[in-house]
C-alpha atoms as a PDB file:
ATOM      1  CA  UNK A   1       0.000   0.000   0.000  1.00  0.00           C
ATOM      2  CA  UNK A   2       3.028   2.279   0.258  1.00  0.00           C
ATOM      3  CA  UNK A   3       3.110   2.676  -3.498  1.00  0.00           C
ATOM      4  CA  UNK A   4      -0.399   4.106  -3.706  1.00  0.00           C
ATOM      5  CA  UNK A   5       0.123   6.325  -0.651  1.00  0.00           C
ATOM      6  CA  UNK A   6       3.304   7.813  -2.101  1.00  0.00           C
ATOM      7  CA  UNK A   7       1.642   8.477  -5.438  1.00  0.00           C
ATOM      8  CA  UNK A   8      -1.351  10.178  -3.810  1.00  0.00           C
ATOM      9  CA  UNK A   9       0.826  12.332  -1.537  1.00  0.00           C
ATOM     10  CA  UNK A  10       2.961  13.194  -4.548  1.00  0.00           C
ATOM     11  CA  UNK A  11      -0.044  14.299  -6.563  1.00  0.00           C
ATOM     12  CA  UNK A  12      -1.305  16.449  -3.699  1.00  0.00           C
ATOM     13  CA  UNK A  13       2.076  18.106  -3.140  1.00  0.00           C
ATOM     14  CA  UNK A  14       2.552  18.695  -6.857  1.00  0.00           C
ATOM     15  CA  UNK A  15      -0.873  20.307  -7.175  1.00  0.00           C
ATOM     16  CA  UNK A  16      -0.392  22.475  -4.084  1.00  0.00           C
ATOM     17  CA  UNK A  17       2.998  23.550  -5.399  1.00  0.00           C
ATOM     18  CA  UNK A  18       1.535  24.570  -8.742  1.00  0.00           C
ATOM     19  CA  UNK A  19      -1.136  26.633  -6.984  1.00  0.00           C
ATOM     20  CA  UNK A  20       1.457  28.386  -4.809  1.00  0.00           C
ATOM     21  CA  UNK A  21       3.543  29.240  -7.870  1.00  0.00           C
ATOM     22  CA  UNK A  22       0.703  31.449  -9.117  1.00  0.00           C
ATOM     23  CA  UNK A  23       1.027  33.687  -6.053  1.00  0.00           C
ATOM     24  CA  UNK A  24       2.257  37.265  -6.376  1.00  0.00           C
ATOM     25  CA  UNK A  25       4.683  36.732  -3.476  1.00  0.00           C
ATOM     26  CA  UNK A  26       8.110  35.532  -4.712  1.00  0.00           C
ATOM     27  CA  UNK A  27       8.743  33.624  -1.477  1.00  0.00           C
ATOM     28  CA  UNK A  28       5.491  31.699  -1.892  1.00  0.00           C
ATOM     29  CA  UNK A  29       6.346  31.015  -5.533  1.00  0.00           C
ATOM     30  CA  UNK A  30       9.698  29.524  -4.519  1.00  0.00           C
ATOM     31  CA  UNK A  31       7.994  27.455  -1.831  1.00  0.00           C
ATOM     32  CA  UNK A  32       5.551  26.215  -4.453  1.00  0.00           C
ATOM     33  CA  UNK A  33       8.354  25.172  -6.800  1.00  0.00           C
ATOM     34  CA  UNK A  34      10.007  23.225  -3.989  1.00  0.00           C
ATOM     35  CA  UNK A  35       6.717  21.575  -3.029  1.00  0.00           C
ATOM     36  CA  UNK A  36       6.050  20.600  -6.638  1.00  0.00           C
ATOM     37  CA  UNK A  37       9.522  19.019  -6.849  1.00  0.00           C
ATOM     38  CA  UNK A  38       8.845  17.149  -3.607  1.00  0.00           C
ATOM     39  CA  UNK A  39       5.602  15.827  -5.088  1.00  0.00           C
ATOM     40  CA  UNK A  40       7.374  14.608  -8.199  1.00  0.00           C
ATOM     41  CA  UNK A  41       9.953  12.839  -6.041  1.00  0.00           C
ATOM     42  CA  UNK A  42       7.208  11.172  -4.000  1.00  0.00           C
ATOM     43  CA  UNK A  43       5.529   9.953  -7.163  1.00  0.00           C
ATOM     44  CA  UNK A  44       8.831   8.546  -8.389  1.00  0.00           C
ATOM     45  CA  UNK A  45       9.270   6.788  -5.062  1.00  0.00           C
ATOM     46  CA  UNK A  46       5.829   5.263  -5.458  1.00  0.00           C
ATOM     47  CA  UNK A  47       6.678   4.038  -8.948  1.00  0.00           C
ATOM     48  CA  UNK A  48       9.895   2.465  -7.677  1.00  0.00           C
ATOM     49  CA  UNK A  49       8.023   0.752  -4.857  1.00  0.00           C
ATOM     50  CA  UNK A  50       5.526  -0.535  -7.389  1.00  0.00           C
ATOM     51  CA  UNK A  51       8.265  -1.923  -9.607  1.00  0.00           C
ATOM     52  CA  UNK A  52      10.245  -3.517  -6.770  1.00  0.00           C
ATOM     53  CA  UNK A  53       7.404  -4.346  -4.435  1.00  0.00           C
ATOM     54  CA  UNK A  54       6.340  -2.743  -1.147  1.00  0.00           C
ATOM     55  CA  UNK A  55       8.928  -4.771   0.776  1.00  0.00           C
ATOM     56  CA  UNK A  56      11.663  -2.160   0.297  1.00  0.00           C
END
């Protein structure tokens, strides 16, 4: 179940990051870019878990 959880969390973080990047505040935009990158990394982690199995 770790695979699905990571993918869902990744999607949520990526979406929240994209929303924050549309802010007029440069600090919030940078935070959004970082959050989007974190979401992409979580999704990748979920894909790896799916390929190797949840035992890792």
